[in-house]
Amino acid sequence: MELSKKVGYVRGLMAGLSIDESTAEGKVLAAMADVLEEMADEIEMVEDAMEGMAEALAEVENIKETLSDMYDGDELDDDDFDDDDDDEFELVDDEDEITLDFGDLKLNGKKVPGS
């Protein structure tokens, strides 16, 4: 069960017990429920961000594999890459989707697929 649903369940239990929030104990329990709700929201945001970063990392790994397949096995150095100032690294976060845009990435004069 998601954390936010568990917090909702706890709030439901509190309502079922008819806890009076004007008492000291009721105020403490209500404040604890508020804190739990905020923590659940933050944790879910962090989990979403981690999921997006995992997807971005997988895409970088795919590009790395493509580069490895294209190159003949010799060591790479800076001269092997076409360095264009117009090609910029860009990370775009569209709410639920993270996209990596490398521009027109080239290796040994050849355009890297997917770039």
N, C-alpha and C. Protein backbone atom coordinates (compact mmCIF):
# COMPACT_ATOMS: atom_id res chain seq x y z
N MET A 1 0.85 -1.17 0.00
CA MET A 1 0.00 0.00 0.00
C MET A 1 0.90 1.24 0.00
N GLU A 2 0.53 2.25 -0.79
CA GLU A 2 1.30 3.48 -0.85
C GLU A 2 1.26 4.19 0.50
N LEU A 3 2.31 4.94 0.78
CA LEU A 3 2.38 5.65 2.06
C LEU A 3 1.22 6.62 2.24
N SER A 4 0.86 7.33 1.17
CA SER A 4 -0.23 8.30 1.31
C SER A 4 -1.55 7.61 1.66
N LYS A 5 -1.75 6.40 1.15
CA LYS A 5 -2.96 5.65 1.49
C LYS A 5 -2.92 5.18 2.94
N LYS A 6 -1.74 4.82 3.41
CA LYS A 6 -1.60 4.41 4.80
C LYS A 6 -1.88 5.59 5.74
N VAL A 7 -1.41 6.77 5.36
CA VAL A 7 -1.68 7.95 6.17
C VAL A 7 -3.17 8.23 6.18
N GLY A 8 -3.82 8.08 5.03
CA GLY A 8 -5.26 8.26 4.97
C GLY A 8 -5.98 7.26 5.86
N TYR A 9 -5.48 6.05 5.92
CA TYR A 9 -6.06 5.02 6.79
C TYR A 9 -5.94 5.43 8.26
N VAL A 10 -4.75 5.95 8.63
CA VAL A 10 -4.53 6.40 10.01
C VAL A 10 -5.49 7.55 10.34
N ARG A 11 -5.65 8.47 9.39
CA ARG A 11 -6.59 9.59 9.62
C ARG A 11 -8.02 9.05 9.79
N GLY A 12 -8.37 8.04 9.03
CA GLY A 12 -9.69 7.42 9.17
C GLY A 12 -9.87 6.78 10.53
N LEU A 13 -8.82 6.12 11.01
CA LEU A 13 -8.88 5.53 12.36
C LEU A 13 -9.09 6.61 13.41
N MET A 14 -8.36 7.73 13.23
CA MET A 14 -8.51 8.83 14.18
C MET A 14 -9.94 9.37 14.17
N ALA A 15 -10.50 9.50 12.99
CA ALA A 15 -11.88 10.00 12.89
C ALA A 15 -12.85 9.01 13.52
N GLY A 16 -12.59 7.71 13.33
CA GLY A 16 -13.46 6.68 13.90
C GLY A 16 -13.41 6.65 15.41
N LEU A 17 -12.30 7.06 15.98
CA LEU A 17 -12.16 7.10 17.44
C LEU A 17 -12.73 8.39 18.03
N SER A 18 -13.17 9.27 17.16
CA SER A 18 -13.72 10.57 17.60
C SER A 18 -12.74 11.31 18.50
N ILE A 19 -11.50 11.38 18.04
CA ILE A 19 -10.47 12.08 18.82
C ILE A 19 -10.76 13.58 18.77
N ASP A 20 -10.81 14.17 19.93
CA ASP A 20 -11.10 15.61 20.04
C ASP A 20 -9.78 16.37 19.84
N GLU A 21 -9.69 17.09 18.73
CA GLU A 21 -8.45 17.80 18.40
C GLU A 21 -8.27 19.07 19.21
N SER A 22 -9.21 19.38 20.09
CA SER A 22 -9.04 20.55 20.95
C SER A 22 -8.29 20.18 22.23
N THR A 23 -8.14 18.88 22.51
CA THR A 23 -7.38 18.44 23.68
C THR A 23 -5.90 18.38 23.32
N ALA A 24 -5.06 18.32 24.32
CA ALA A 24 -3.61 18.26 24.10
C ALA A 24 -3.24 16.99 23.32
N GLU A 25 -3.84 15.88 23.71
CA GLU A 25 -3.54 14.62 23.04
C GLU A 25 -4.03 14.64 21.59
N GLY A 26 -5.22 15.19 21.38
CA GLY A 26 -5.78 15.29 20.03
C GLY A 26 -4.93 16.17 19.13
N LYS A 27 -4.42 17.27 19.69
CA LYS A 27 -3.55 18.17 18.92
C LYS A 27 -2.26 17.45 18.50
N VAL A 28 -1.69 16.69 19.42
CA VAL A 28 -0.46 15.94 19.12
C VAL A 28 -0.71 14.92 18.02
N LEU A 29 -1.79 14.16 18.13
CA LEU A 29 -2.09 13.15 17.12
C LEU A 29 -2.38 13.77 15.76
N ALA A 30 -3.10 14.88 15.74
CA ALA A 30 -3.40 15.56 14.48
C ALA A 30 -2.11 16.10 13.84
N ALA A 31 -1.23 16.67 14.67
CA ALA A 31 0.04 17.18 14.16
C ALA A 31 0.89 16.03 13.62
N MET A 32 0.89 14.89 14.31
CA MET A 32 1.66 13.73 13.84
C MET A 32 1.10 13.24 12.50
N ALA A 33 -0.20 13.23 12.35
CA ALA A 33 -0.81 12.80 11.09
C ALA A 33 -0.43 13.77 9.96
N ASP A 34 -0.38 15.07 10.26
CA ASP A 34 0.04 16.06 9.26
C ASP A 34 1.48 15.82 8.82
N VAL A 35 2.35 15.57 9.80
CA VAL A 35 3.77 15.32 9.50
C VAL A 35 3.90 14.04 8.67
N LEU A 36 3.16 13.01 9.04
CA LEU A 36 3.21 11.75 8.27
C LEU A 36 2.78 11.98 6.83
N GLU A 37 1.75 12.79 6.63
CA GLU A 37 1.27 13.08 5.28
C GLU A 37 2.33 13.83 4.46
N GLU A 38 2.97 14.82 5.07
CA GLU A 38 4.02 15.56 4.38
C GLU A 38 5.21 14.65 4.03
N MET A 39 5.58 13.79 4.98
CA MET A 39 6.69 12.86 4.73
C MET A 39 6.35 11.89 3.61
N ALA A 40 5.13 11.39 3.58
CA ALA A 40 4.71 10.47 2.53
C ALA A 40 4.77 11.15 1.17
N ASP A 41 4.32 12.40 1.09
CA ASP A 41 4.38 13.14 -0.17
C ASP A 41 5.82 13.33 -0.64
N GLU A 42 6.70 13.70 0.28
CA GLU A 42 8.11 13.90 -0.08
C GLU A 42 8.76 12.60 -0.53
N ILE A 43 8.49 11.52 0.16
CA ILE A 43 9.07 10.22 -0.20
C ILE A 43 8.59 9.80 -1.58
N GLU A 44 7.32 10.01 -1.88
CA GLU A 44 6.80 9.66 -3.21
C GLU A 44 7.45 10.51 -4.30
N MET A 45 7.72 11.79 -4.01
CA MET A 45 8.41 12.65 -4.97
C MET A 45 9.83 12.15 -5.23
N VAL A 46 10.52 11.77 -4.17
CA VAL A 46 11.89 11.25 -4.30
C VAL A 46 11.89 9.95 -5.10
N GLU A 47 10.93 9.08 -4.82
CA GLU A 47 10.83 7.82 -5.57
C GLU A 47 10.59 8.07 -7.05
N ASP A 48 9.73 9.03 -7.38
CA ASP A 48 9.47 9.38 -8.78
C ASP A 48 10.74 9.92 -9.45
N ALA A 49 11.46 10.77 -8.73
CA ALA A 49 12.71 11.33 -9.28
C ALA A 49 13.73 10.22 -9.50
N MET A 50 13.84 9.29 -8.56
CA MET A 50 14.79 8.18 -8.70
C MET A 50 14.43 7.31 -9.90
N GLU A 51 13.15 7.09 -10.10
CA GLU A 51 12.70 6.30 -11.24
C GLU A 51 13.08 6.99 -12.56
N GLY A 52 12.88 8.31 -12.60
CA GLY A 52 13.25 9.07 -13.79
C GLY A 52 14.75 9.04 -14.04
N MET A 53 15.54 9.14 -12.99
CA MET A 53 16.99 9.09 -13.14
C MET A 53 17.45 7.69 -13.58
N ALA A 54 16.78 6.66 -13.12
CA ALA A 54 17.12 5.30 -13.54
C ALA A 54 16.86 5.14 -15.03
N GLU A 55 15.76 5.72 -15.52
CA GLU A 55 15.46 5.66 -16.95
C GLU A 55 16.51 6.44 -17.75
N ALA A 56 16.90 7.61 -17.25
CA ALA A 56 17.92 8.41 -17.92
C ALA A 56 19.25 7.67 -17.95
N LEU A 57 19.60 7.02 -16.86
CA LEU A 57 20.85 6.25 -16.80
C LEU A 57 20.82 5.09 -17.78
N ALA A 58 19.68 4.44 -17.91
CA ALA A 58 19.55 3.34 -18.87
C ALA A 58 19.77 3.86 -20.29
N GLU A 59 19.26 5.04 -20.59
CA GLU A 59 19.46 5.63 -21.92
C GLU A 59 20.93 5.96 -22.16
N VAL A 60 21.61 6.47 -21.15
CA VAL A 60 23.04 6.75 -21.28
C VAL A 60 23.81 5.45 -21.50
N GLU A 61 23.42 4.39 -20.81
CA GLU A 61 24.06 3.09 -21.01
C GLU A 61 23.85 2.59 -22.44
N ASN A 62 22.65 2.80 -22.98
CA ASN A 62 22.38 2.41 -24.38
C ASN A 62 23.28 3.17 -25.35
N ILE A 63 23.44 4.46 -25.10
CA ILE A 63 24.32 5.27 -25.96
C ILE A 63 25.76 4.78 -25.83
N LYS A 64 26.18 4.45 -24.62
CA LYS A 64 27.53 3.94 -24.41
C LYS A 64 27.74 2.63 -25.18
N GLU A 65 26.76 1.75 -25.13
CA GLU A 65 26.87 0.49 -25.87
C GLU A 65 26.93 0.75 -27.37
N THR A 66 26.14 1.70 -27.86
CA THR A 66 26.16 2.04 -29.28
C THR A 66 27.53 2.55 -29.69
N LEU A 67 28.10 3.41 -28.86
CA LEU A 67 29.44 3.94 -29.14
C LEU A 67 30.48 2.82 -29.13
N SER A 68 30.37 1.92 -28.18
CA SER A 68 31.32 0.80 -28.10
C SER A 68 31.21 -0.09 -29.33
N ASP A 69 29.97 -0.32 -29.80
CA ASP A 69 29.76 -1.15 -30.98
C ASP A 69 30.31 -0.47 -32.24
N MET A 70 30.23 0.86 -32.29
CA MET A 70 30.68 1.59 -33.47
C MET A 70 32.21 1.69 -33.55
N TYR A 71 32.85 1.72 -32.42
CA TYR A 71 34.29 1.94 -32.39
C TYR A 71 35.02 0.60 -32.47
N ASP A 72 36.18 0.57 -33.05
CA ASP A 72 36.86 -0.69 -33.33
C ASP A 72 37.62 -1.28 -32.15
N GLY A 73 37.52 -0.70 -30.99
CA GLY A 73 38.16 -1.28 -29.82
C GLY A 73 39.39 -0.54 -29.36
N ASP A 74 39.94 0.34 -30.18
CA ASP A 74 41.08 1.13 -29.73
C ASP A 74 40.61 2.10 -28.66
N GLU A 75 41.59 2.61 -27.90
CA GLU A 75 41.21 3.57 -26.88
C GLU A 75 40.72 4.86 -27.51
N LEU A 76 39.73 5.46 -26.91
CA LEU A 76 39.20 6.73 -27.39
C LEU A 76 39.99 7.88 -26.79
N ASP A 77 40.18 8.91 -27.56
CA ASP A 77 40.72 10.15 -27.02
C ASP A 77 39.90 11.31 -27.58
N ASP A 78 40.21 12.51 -27.15
CA ASP A 78 39.41 13.67 -27.53
C ASP A 78 39.37 13.90 -29.03
N ASP A 79 40.41 13.48 -29.76
CA ASP A 79 40.44 13.69 -31.21
C ASP A 79 39.44 12.81 -31.96
N ASP A 80 38.95 11.76 -31.33
CA ASP A 80 38.00 10.85 -31.98
C ASP A 80 36.60 11.45 -32.07
N PHE A 81 36.35 12.50 -31.30
CA PHE A 81 35.01 13.09 -31.28
C PHE A 81 35.01 14.43 -31.99
N ASP A 82 33.95 14.69 -32.78
CA ASP A 82 33.76 16.00 -33.38
C ASP A 82 33.20 16.90 -32.30
N ASP A 83 33.95 17.91 -31.93
CA ASP A 83 33.51 18.82 -30.87
C ASP A 83 32.87 20.04 -31.49
N ASP A 84 31.55 20.08 -31.41
CA ASP A 84 30.78 21.20 -31.94
C ASP A 84 30.21 21.98 -30.76
N ASP A 85 30.46 23.26 -30.69
CA ASP A 85 29.91 24.05 -29.59
C ASP A 85 28.39 24.12 -29.64
N ASP A 86 27.80 23.83 -30.83
CA ASP A 86 26.35 23.88 -30.95
C ASP A 86 25.67 22.69 -30.27
N ASP A 87 26.40 21.58 -30.10
CA ASP A 87 25.82 20.40 -29.46
C ASP A 87 25.94 20.55 -27.95
N GLU A 88 24.82 20.68 -27.29
CA GLU A 88 24.83 20.87 -25.86
C GLU A 88 24.09 19.72 -25.18
N PHE A 89 24.52 19.42 -23.98
CA PHE A 89 23.81 18.44 -23.16
C PHE A 89 22.60 19.15 -22.58
N GLU A 90 21.46 18.52 -22.67
CA GLU A 90 20.24 19.12 -22.16
C GLU A 90 19.43 18.06 -21.43
N LEU A 91 18.99 18.39 -20.25
CA LEU A 91 18.11 17.51 -19.47
C LEU A 91 16.79 18.22 -19.31
N VAL A 92 15.75 17.63 -19.85
CA VAL A 92 14.42 18.23 -19.81
C VAL A 92 13.52 17.36 -18.95
N ASP A 93 12.89 17.96 -17.97
CA ASP A 93 11.99 17.23 -17.09
C ASP A 93 10.56 17.67 -17.39
N ASP A 94 9.81 16.83 -18.09
CA ASP A 94 8.41 17.11 -18.40
C ASP A 94 7.53 16.35 -17.42
N GLU A 95 7.40 16.86 -16.23
CA GLU A 95 6.64 16.28 -15.14
C GLU A 95 7.02 14.83 -14.89
N ASP A 96 6.50 13.88 -15.67
CA ASP A 96 6.75 12.46 -15.40
C ASP A 96 7.82 11.87 -16.29
N GLU A 97 8.37 12.63 -17.22
CA GLU A 97 9.31 12.07 -18.18
C GLU A 97 10.59 12.90 -18.21
N ILE A 98 11.72 12.24 -18.17
CA ILE A 98 13.01 12.92 -18.27
C ILE A 98 13.63 12.53 -19.60
N THR A 99 14.08 13.52 -20.36
CA THR A 99 14.65 13.28 -21.67
C THR A 99 16.07 13.81 -21.71
N LEU A 100 16.99 13.03 -22.23
CA LEU A 100 18.35 13.49 -22.44
C LEU A 100 18.52 13.81 -23.91
N ASP A 101 18.94 15.02 -24.23
CA ASP A 101 19.14 15.43 -25.61
C ASP A 101 20.60 15.79 -25.79
N PHE A 102 21.34 15.00 -26.57
CA PHE A 102 22.75 15.24 -26.78
C PHE A 102 23.02 16.00 -28.07
N GLY A 103 22.00 16.48 -28.74
CA GLY A 103 22.21 17.16 -30.02
C GLY A 103 22.64 16.14 -31.05
N ASP A 104 23.44 16.54 -32.03
CA ASP A 104 23.94 15.64 -33.06
C ASP A 104 25.31 15.12 -32.63
N LEU A 105 25.32 14.03 -31.89
CA LEU A 105 26.55 13.44 -31.38
C LEU A 105 27.23 12.66 -32.49
N LYS A 106 28.55 12.91 -32.68
CA LYS A 106 29.28 12.25 -33.76
C LYS A 106 30.54 11.59 -33.20
N LEU A 107 30.90 10.45 -33.80
CA LEU A 107 32.11 9.73 -33.47
C LEU A 107 32.81 9.39 -34.77
N ASN A 108 34.06 9.83 -34.89
CA ASN A 108 34.82 9.61 -36.13
C ASN A 108 34.05 10.09 -37.35
N GLY A 109 33.36 11.22 -37.21
CA GLY A 109 32.65 11.80 -38.35
C GLY A 109 31.30 11.16 -38.62
N LYS A 110 30.93 10.11 -37.91
CA LYS A 110 29.64 9.45 -38.12
C LYS A 110 28.65 9.86 -37.05
N LYS A 111 27.41 10.12 -37.45
CA LYS A 111 26.37 10.47 -36.50
C LYS A 111 26.01 9.24 -35.67
N VAL A 112 25.96 9.43 -34.36
CA VAL A 112 25.61 8.34 -33.46
C VAL A 112 24.09 8.15 -33.52
N PRO A 113 23.62 6.92 -33.78
CA PRO A 113 22.18 6.68 -33.83
C PRO A 113 21.50 7.10 -32.53
N GLY A 114 20.35 7.68 -32.64
CA GLY A 114 19.58 8.10 -31.49
C GLY A 114 19.97 9.45 -30.96
N SER A 115 20.94 10.12 -31.58
CA SER A 115 21.33 11.43 -31.07
C SER A 115 20.75 12.52 -31.93
